[in-house]
Amino acid sequence: MQMLLERTDGEIKKKIEKQINIACYGEIGENNIAYELKNSGMDMYILHDIYLEINGLSAQIDYIVITR
């Protein structure tokens, strides 16, 4: 996205900047969750970044936490 940002201007550039900001905030949030889960002291299984696809539909799940 950064390469595209350098090549564009105007409204498209604003849209790309917005998408970059959203992605950055998402990454920060995922890192915060990972830190809290690792330091919770609870026994658990953590599944991270799960991608599911069926009949042409897809979903991505950041975390699945399994505890007692």
N, C-alpha and C. Protein backbone atom coordinates (compact mmCIF):
# COMPACT_ATOMS: atom_id res chain seq x y z
N MET A 1 0.82 -1.18 0.00
CA MET A 1 0.00 0.00 0.00
C MET A 1 0.87 1.26 0.00
N GLN A 2 2.03 1.16 0.67
CA GLN A 2 2.92 2.32 0.70
C GLN A 2 3.40 2.68 -0.70
N MET A 3 3.68 1.68 -1.53
CA MET A 3 4.13 1.95 -2.90
C MET A 3 3.03 2.65 -3.69
N LEU A 4 1.79 2.20 -3.51
CA LEU A 4 0.67 2.86 -4.18
C LEU A 4 0.50 4.29 -3.70
N LEU A 5 0.69 4.49 -2.41
CA LEU A 5 0.53 5.82 -1.83
C LEU A 5 1.49 6.82 -2.47
N GLU A 6 2.70 6.39 -2.73
CA GLU A 6 3.71 7.27 -3.32
C GLU A 6 3.39 7.63 -4.77
N ARG A 7 2.60 6.81 -5.44
CA ARG A 7 2.29 7.02 -6.86
C ARG A 7 0.99 7.75 -7.11
N THR A 8 0.23 8.03 -6.07
CA THR A 8 -1.10 8.63 -6.26
C THR A 8 -1.19 10.00 -5.62
N ASP A 9 -2.30 10.65 -5.89
CA ASP A 9 -2.59 11.92 -5.24
C ASP A 9 -4.10 12.11 -5.17
N GLY A 10 -4.51 13.17 -4.55
CA GLY A 10 -5.93 13.49 -4.49
C GLY A 10 -6.73 12.55 -3.62
N GLU A 11 -7.95 12.28 -4.08
CA GLU A 11 -8.90 11.46 -3.31
C GLU A 11 -8.42 10.02 -3.13
N ILE A 12 -7.80 9.46 -4.14
CA ILE A 12 -7.29 8.09 -4.03
C ILE A 12 -6.21 8.01 -2.96
N LYS A 13 -5.34 9.00 -2.91
CA LYS A 13 -4.30 9.03 -1.89
C LYS A 13 -4.91 9.06 -0.49
N LYS A 14 -5.97 9.85 -0.31
CA LYS A 14 -6.64 9.91 0.99
C LYS A 14 -7.24 8.56 1.39
N LYS A 15 -7.82 7.86 0.41
CA LYS A 15 -8.41 6.55 0.68
C LYS A 15 -7.32 5.54 1.07
N ILE A 16 -6.19 5.58 0.38
CA ILE A 16 -5.09 4.66 0.69
C ILE A 16 -4.53 4.98 2.07
N GLU A 17 -4.37 6.25 2.40
CA GLU A 17 -3.89 6.64 3.73
C GLU A 17 -4.83 6.13 4.82
N LYS A 18 -6.13 6.23 4.55
CA LYS A 18 -7.11 5.74 5.52
C LYS A 18 -6.97 4.23 5.72
N GLN A 19 -6.80 3.47 4.65
CA GLN A 19 -6.64 2.03 4.74
C GLN A 19 -5.36 1.65 5.48
N ILE A 20 -4.29 2.40 5.24
CA ILE A 20 -3.03 2.15 5.94
C ILE A 20 -3.22 2.39 7.44
N ASN A 21 -3.90 3.47 7.81
CA ASN A 21 -4.15 3.76 9.22
C ASN A 21 -4.99 2.67 9.87
N ILE A 22 -6.01 2.21 9.19
CA ILE A 22 -6.86 1.14 9.72
C ILE A 22 -6.03 -0.12 9.95
N ALA A 23 -5.18 -0.47 8.99
CA ALA A 23 -4.34 -1.66 9.12
C ALA A 23 -3.36 -1.51 10.29
N CYS A 24 -2.80 -0.33 10.46
CA CYS A 24 -1.86 -0.09 11.57
C CYS A 24 -2.56 -0.23 12.92
N TYR A 25 -3.75 0.36 13.05
CA TYR A 25 -4.49 0.24 14.30
C TYR A 25 -4.87 -1.22 14.57
N GLY A 26 -5.23 -1.94 13.53
CA GLY A 26 -5.56 -3.36 13.68
C GLY A 26 -4.37 -4.16 14.17
N GLU A 27 -3.20 -3.87 13.63
CA GLU A 27 -1.99 -4.59 14.05
C GLU A 27 -1.63 -4.26 15.50
N ILE A 28 -1.77 -3.01 15.88
CA ILE A 28 -1.52 -2.61 17.27
C ILE A 28 -2.48 -3.35 18.21
N GLY A 29 -3.74 -3.41 17.83
CA GLY A 29 -4.74 -4.11 18.65
C GLY A 29 -4.43 -5.58 18.80
N GLU A 30 -4.04 -6.24 17.71
CA GLU A 30 -3.69 -7.65 17.77
C GLU A 30 -2.48 -7.87 18.65
N ASN A 31 -1.48 -7.00 18.56
CA ASN A 31 -0.30 -7.12 19.42
C ASN A 31 -0.66 -6.95 20.89
N ASN A 32 -1.57 -6.03 21.19
CA ASN A 32 -2.00 -5.84 22.58
C ASN A 32 -2.72 -7.08 23.11
N ILE A 33 -3.58 -7.65 22.29
CA ILE A 33 -4.29 -8.88 22.70
C ILE A 33 -3.31 -10.01 22.93
N ALA A 34 -2.34 -10.19 22.02
CA ALA A 34 -1.34 -11.24 22.17
C ALA A 34 -0.57 -11.07 23.48
N TYR A 35 -0.18 -9.86 23.78
CA TYR A 35 0.56 -9.59 25.03
C TYR A 35 -0.29 -9.96 26.24
N GLU A 36 -1.55 -9.52 26.26
CA GLU A 36 -2.42 -9.81 27.40
C GLU A 36 -2.67 -11.30 27.56
N LEU A 37 -2.86 -12.01 26.46
CA LEU A 37 -3.10 -13.45 26.54
C LEU A 37 -1.86 -14.18 27.06
N LYS A 38 -0.69 -13.80 26.55
CA LYS A 38 0.55 -14.45 26.98
C LYS A 38 0.84 -14.20 28.45
N ASN A 39 0.43 -13.06 28.96
CA ASN A 39 0.74 -12.68 30.34
C ASN A 39 -0.44 -12.83 31.30
N SER A 40 -1.46 -13.55 30.90
CA SER A 40 -2.65 -13.68 31.74
C SER A 40 -2.46 -14.69 32.87
N GLY A 41 -1.53 -15.62 32.72
CA GLY A 41 -1.33 -16.63 33.74
C GLY A 41 -2.37 -17.73 33.71
N MET A 42 -3.24 -17.72 32.72
CA MET A 42 -4.28 -18.75 32.60
C MET A 42 -3.82 -19.88 31.68
N ASP A 43 -4.27 -21.09 32.00
CA ASP A 43 -4.03 -22.21 31.10
C ASP A 43 -5.02 -22.11 29.94
N MET A 44 -4.49 -22.07 28.72
CA MET A 44 -5.38 -21.93 27.57
C MET A 44 -4.66 -22.35 26.30
N TYR A 45 -5.43 -22.65 25.31
CA TYR A 45 -4.93 -22.83 23.96
C TYR A 45 -5.34 -21.60 23.17
N ILE A 46 -4.42 -21.11 22.35
CA ILE A 46 -4.69 -19.92 21.55
C ILE A 46 -4.49 -20.26 20.08
N LEU A 47 -5.52 -20.10 19.31
CA LEU A 47 -5.43 -20.25 17.86
C LEU A 47 -5.44 -18.85 17.28
N HIS A 48 -4.47 -18.57 16.44
CA HIS A 48 -4.32 -17.20 15.92
C HIS A 48 -4.38 -17.19 14.40
N ASP A 49 -5.07 -16.21 13.87
CA ASP A 49 -5.14 -15.95 12.43
C ASP A 49 -5.68 -17.14 11.66
N ILE A 50 -6.89 -17.52 11.99
CA ILE A 50 -7.57 -18.65 11.36
C ILE A 50 -8.33 -18.16 10.13
N TYR A 51 -8.15 -18.86 9.03
CA TYR A 51 -8.83 -18.52 7.78
C TYR A 51 -9.74 -19.68 7.40
N LEU A 52 -11.02 -19.39 7.22
CA LEU A 52 -12.00 -20.41 6.85
C LEU A 52 -12.62 -20.05 5.50
N GLU A 53 -12.85 -21.08 4.69
CA GLU A 53 -13.50 -20.85 3.41
C GLU A 53 -14.42 -22.03 3.11
N ILE A 54 -15.64 -21.72 2.68
CA ILE A 54 -16.60 -22.75 2.29
C ILE A 54 -17.55 -22.16 1.25
N ASN A 55 -17.75 -22.89 0.20
CA ASN A 55 -18.67 -22.50 -0.87
C ASN A 55 -18.43 -21.07 -1.37
N GLY A 56 -17.18 -20.70 -1.51
CA GLY A 56 -16.84 -19.39 -2.03
C GLY A 56 -16.92 -18.24 -1.02
N LEU A 57 -17.35 -18.54 0.19
CA LEU A 57 -17.39 -17.53 1.25
C LEU A 57 -16.20 -17.74 2.18
N SER A 58 -15.66 -16.66 2.71
CA SER A 58 -14.49 -16.79 3.58
C SER A 58 -14.63 -15.91 4.81
N ALA A 59 -13.86 -16.28 5.83
CA ALA A 59 -13.82 -15.50 7.07
C ALA A 59 -12.42 -15.65 7.66
N GLN A 60 -11.97 -14.60 8.30
CA GLN A 60 -10.68 -14.63 8.98
C GLN A 60 -10.94 -14.29 10.44
N ILE A 61 -10.40 -15.12 11.35
CA ILE A 61 -10.59 -14.93 12.78
C ILE A 61 -9.24 -14.64 13.40
N ASP A 62 -9.13 -13.54 14.13
CA ASP A 62 -7.84 -13.17 14.72
C ASP A 62 -7.43 -14.14 15.82
N TYR A 63 -8.30 -14.37 16.78
CA TYR A 63 -7.97 -15.25 17.91
C TYR A 63 -9.16 -16.11 18.27
N ILE A 64 -8.87 -17.37 18.59
CA ILE A 64 -9.81 -18.25 19.26
C ILE A 64 -9.09 -18.71 20.53
N VAL A 65 -9.69 -18.44 21.68
CA VAL A 65 -9.09 -18.80 22.96
C VAL A 65 -9.92 -19.92 23.57
N ILE A 66 -9.25 -21.03 23.92
CA ILE A 66 -9.93 -22.19 24.48
C ILE A 66 -9.41 -22.38 25.91
N THR A 67 -10.34 -22.33 26.85
CA THR A 67 -10.01 -22.55 28.26
C THR A 67 -10.93 -23.63 28.83
N ARG A 68 -10.69 -23.98 30.05
CA ARG A 68 -11.55 -24.96 30.71
C ARG A 68 -12.96 -24.46 30.72
